[in-house]
Structures are given as structure tokens and as C-alpha cells.
Amino acid sequence: MPLDLDIKISDVIAVIALLVAVLSAIYARGQSSAAERANVIAIRESRRPLRLQVFQSMHHFSKYCSSYWTMYHMGEVNRSRELTERINTFKWEIEQQGHLDMSDVEEKAKAFVNAAWKLQRLVDRVAGGQNEPHDREYATAQENVEALVDWFGKENRDLKTLFQPYLAAA
């Protein structure tokens, strides 16, 4: 039984149309992948300046808190009024940046605020003549303050490492 291969021009056109459709689908998939990659890059790059501002705010705030006890002893600040204002300013600065998809940085900012409020309470205790620490692991409020100041200094040095994945060029 011989096969009857009666191929018409319409069959050839249909096969060519099928090949074009398959190639178009492959090309469209590649373009979709490229568009997704471009979108991810655009989002990362648009967030970068805002993330840098958060880094700078956290850097300046931790530096301020790490030197507050020294400024207090030198008379540059009066009790904890300036610290309270700086805490509120820091919280406002962070909130103005919106959600930047940096959960570990957001947690660190909350830790900064909590530690600064501890520092504020301790400075007021010391100024008021009380020497009771906030944390039980310290014998005096002054030791507690010095530990918080050291903590802020360490955190300030570690900020670059914390922000590296968010600010690095990929």
C-alpha cells in the first residue's frame, strides 16, 4: 500500500503558520522572562535611595546615642529632653520611607528605639539621683547606661554589614 502524499499549497502554508506560532510563543516566553528581570532590577534600584536614607538615619541615630552619655557629662545636653526629641525624629524619619522590604532592618530600627528609650529613662534616673539600673544584670544605672552606649557603638559599626544585601549592586 503506497502512501498518497498529495500535499497542497494550503498544507504547506498551515505548517509554516504552525512553525511561526511556535517560534512566537518561544520568543514571547523569553521576552516575559526579560521583562520580569527588568522589573526586579527597576524595583531594587528605585528602593536603593530610600534604603540609603534609612541607613544614614540609623547611622546618625546610633552615633548620637553612643555619644549621648559623654555629651550629658560635658553639659552639651540637658537631661534627656534632646534624646527624647531625637528618638521621635528618628522614628518619623524611618516611617517616612515606607515599606522597603527589609524586615531585619525594620527589627533593628525598633531595637534602636527601645534601647534609646531605656537610655532616656536611665539618664533621667541618674540626673534625679537614683542609681537603680533598668536591667538586672548591672549593679548601677551608670553601668547600665555605659552598656547601652557600648551597644549603640557596636551596632553602628555593624550597620554596613546589615545593609550590605540591600545596598550592594547585583
Protein backbone atom coordinates (compact mmCIF):
# COMPACT_ATOMS: atom_id res chain seq x y z
CA MET A 1 0.00 0.00 0.00
CA PRO A 2 1.65 3.14 -1.12
CA LEU A 3 1.00 6.31 0.82
CA ASP A 4 -0.68 9.06 -1.05
CA LEU A 5 1.28 12.22 -0.29
CA ASP A 6 -0.83 14.73 -2.02
CA ILE A 7 0.50 17.93 -0.43
CA LYS A 8 -1.29 21.08 -1.33
CA ILE A 9 -0.08 24.64 -1.01
CA SER A 10 -2.56 25.20 1.82
CA ASP A 11 -0.92 22.36 3.78
CA VAL A 12 2.49 23.98 3.37
CA ILE A 13 1.09 27.33 4.48
CA ALA A 14 -0.50 25.67 7.54
CA VAL A 15 2.81 24.03 8.52
CA ILE A 16 4.66 27.33 8.11
CA ALA A 17 1.99 29.10 10.20
CA LEU A 18 2.38 26.45 12.90
CA LEU A 19 6.17 26.95 12.95
CA VAL A 20 5.75 30.72 13.16
CA ALA A 21 3.29 30.30 16.05
CA VAL A 22 5.70 28.01 17.94
CA LEU A 23 8.60 30.42 17.40
CA SER A 24 6.44 33.34 18.50
CA ALA A 25 5.49 31.51 21.70
CA ILE A 26 9.15 30.76 22.45
CA TYR A 27 10.11 34.38 21.77
CA ALA A 28 7.23 35.69 23.92
CA ARG A 29 8.31 33.49 26.84
CA GLY A 30 11.85 34.84 26.58
CA GLN A 31 10.54 38.40 26.49
CA SER A 32 8.38 37.73 29.54
CA SER A 33 11.40 36.48 31.49
CA ALA A 34 13.42 39.52 30.42
CA ALA A 35 10.59 41.84 31.47
CA GLU A 36 10.38 40.17 34.89
CA ARG A 37 14.13 40.56 35.42
CA ALA A 38 13.94 44.20 34.33
CA ASN A 39 11.07 44.79 36.75
CA VAL A 40 13.03 43.30 39.66
CA ILE A 41 16.03 45.48 38.80
CA ALA A 42 13.84 48.59 38.49
CA ILE A 43 12.24 47.95 41.89
CA ARG A 44 15.62 47.35 43.54
CA GLU A 45 17.12 50.47 42.02
CA SER A 46 14.12 52.64 42.89
CA ARG A 47 14.31 51.47 46.52
CA ARG A 48 18.04 51.98 46.80
CA PRO A 49 18.00 55.75 47.57
CA LEU A 50 15.29 55.23 50.19
CA ARG A 51 17.23 52.36 51.74
CA LEU A 52 20.34 54.53 51.79
CA GLN A 53 18.39 57.21 53.66
CA VAL A 54 17.32 54.61 56.24
CA PHE A 55 20.95 53.56 56.59
CA GLN A 56 22.04 57.14 57.13
CA SER A 57 19.27 57.77 59.66
CA MET A 58 20.20 54.66 61.61
CA HIS A 59 23.90 55.51 61.41
CA HIS A 60 23.41 59.06 62.71
CA PHE A 61 20.95 57.96 65.41
CA SER A 62 23.19 55.19 66.75
CA LYS A 63 26.18 57.54 66.70
CA TYR A 64 24.16 60.15 68.58
CA CYS A 65 23.03 57.63 71.19
CA SER A 66 26.54 56.22 71.60
CA SER A 67 27.87 59.69 72.40
CA TYR A 68 24.90 60.94 74.44
CA TRP A 69 26.37 59.98 77.81
CA THR A 70 29.54 61.91 77.02
CA MET A 71 27.54 64.93 75.82
CA TYR A 72 25.48 64.73 79.01
CA HIS A 73 28.60 64.85 81.20
CA MET A 74 30.04 67.70 79.17
CA GLY A 75 26.82 69.69 79.59
CA GLU A 76 26.00 69.78 75.87
CA VAL A 77 22.61 68.21 76.55
CA ASN A 78 20.23 68.76 79.44
CA ARG A 79 18.90 65.55 81.00
CA SER A 80 17.07 63.59 78.34
CA ARG A 81 14.97 66.21 76.53
CA GLU A 82 17.22 66.25 73.46
CA LEU A 83 17.32 62.45 73.40
CA THR A 84 13.52 62.25 73.50
CA GLU A 85 13.25 64.68 70.60
CA ARG A 86 15.88 62.73 68.65
CA ILE A 87 14.04 59.43 69.24
CA ASN A 88 10.82 60.93 67.89
CA THR A 89 12.66 62.39 64.89
CA PHE A 90 14.32 59.05 64.17
CA LYS A 91 11.01 57.18 64.29
CA TRP A 92 9.47 59.77 61.94
CA GLU A 93 12.41 59.51 59.50
CA ILE A 94 12.09 55.72 59.34
CA GLU A 95 8.30 55.82 58.94
CA GLN A 96 8.56 58.31 56.05
CA GLN A 97 10.47 55.81 53.94
CA GLY A 98 7.55 53.40 53.85
CA HIS A 99 7.88 49.65 53.46
CA LEU A 100 11.21 48.86 51.84
CA ASP A 101 11.15 45.07 52.17
CA MET A 102 13.94 44.95 54.77
CA SER A 103 12.44 43.07 57.72
CA ASP A 104 15.73 42.63 59.59
CA VAL A 105 16.47 46.35 59.26
CA GLU A 106 12.97 47.22 60.49
CA GLU A 107 13.53 44.99 63.54
CA LYS A 108 16.89 46.65 64.18
CA ALA A 109 15.28 50.10 63.99
CA LYS A 110 12.73 49.00 66.60
CA ALA A 111 15.59 47.73 68.78
CA PHE A 112 17.31 51.12 68.40
CA VAL A 113 14.17 52.93 69.55
CA ASN A 114 13.64 50.59 72.52
CA ALA A 115 17.27 50.90 73.60
CA ALA A 116 17.13 54.69 73.24
CA TRP A 117 14.05 54.84 75.47
CA LYS A 118 15.94 52.75 78.05
CA LEU A 119 18.83 55.18 77.78
CA GLN A 120 16.46 58.11 78.25
CA ARG A 121 14.94 56.58 81.40
CA LEU A 122 18.38 55.77 82.80
CA VAL A 123 19.72 59.27 82.15
CA ASP A 124 16.68 60.70 83.96
CA ARG A 125 17.27 58.31 86.89
CA VAL A 126 20.91 59.30 87.18
CA ALA A 127 20.02 63.01 86.88
CA GLY A 128 17.38 62.53 89.57
CA GLY A 129 19.87 60.98 91.97
CA GLN A 130 18.64 57.42 91.60
CA ASN A 131 21.14 54.77 90.66
CA GLU A 132 18.88 51.78 90.02
CA PRO A 133 19.62 50.01 86.75
CA HIS A 134 16.94 49.20 84.20
CA ASP A 135 18.39 45.74 83.54
CA ARG A 136 19.08 43.44 86.48
CA GLU A 137 22.44 42.32 85.13
CA TYR A 138 24.01 45.68 86.05
CA ALA A 139 24.79 46.90 89.54
CA THR A 140 24.13 50.59 88.87
CA ALA A 141 22.26 52.76 86.42
CA GLN A 142 25.57 54.22 85.24
CA GLU A 143 26.86 50.74 84.32
CA ASN A 144 23.58 50.14 82.50
CA VAL A 145 23.98 53.43 80.59
CA GLU A 146 27.56 52.59 79.67
CA ALA A 147 26.47 49.17 78.40
CA LEU A 148 23.76 50.78 76.24
CA VAL A 149 26.26 53.31 74.89
CA ASP A 150 28.64 50.47 74.04
CA TRP A 151 25.77 48.55 72.39
CA PHE A 152 24.92 51.55 70.20
CA GLY A 153 28.58 51.88 69.23
CA LYS A 154 28.77 48.21 68.25
CA GLU A 155 25.52 48.41 66.31
CA ASN A 156 26.80 51.49 64.50
CA ARG A 157 29.86 49.56 63.34
CA ASP A 158 27.69 46.60 62.25
CA LEU A 159 25.24 48.66 60.16
CA LYS A 160 27.25 48.28 56.95
CA THR A 161 27.02 44.51 57.25
CA LEU A 162 23.29 44.68 57.94
CA PHE A 163 22.64 46.86 54.89
CA GLN A 164 25.08 45.12 52.52
CA PRO A 165 22.48 42.88 50.85
CA TYR A 166 20.14 45.83 50.30
CA LEU A 167 22.62 48.39 49.01
CA ALA A 168 25.03 46.17 47.08
CA ALA A 169 24.96 46.26 43.31
CA ALA A 170 23.72 42.95 41.97
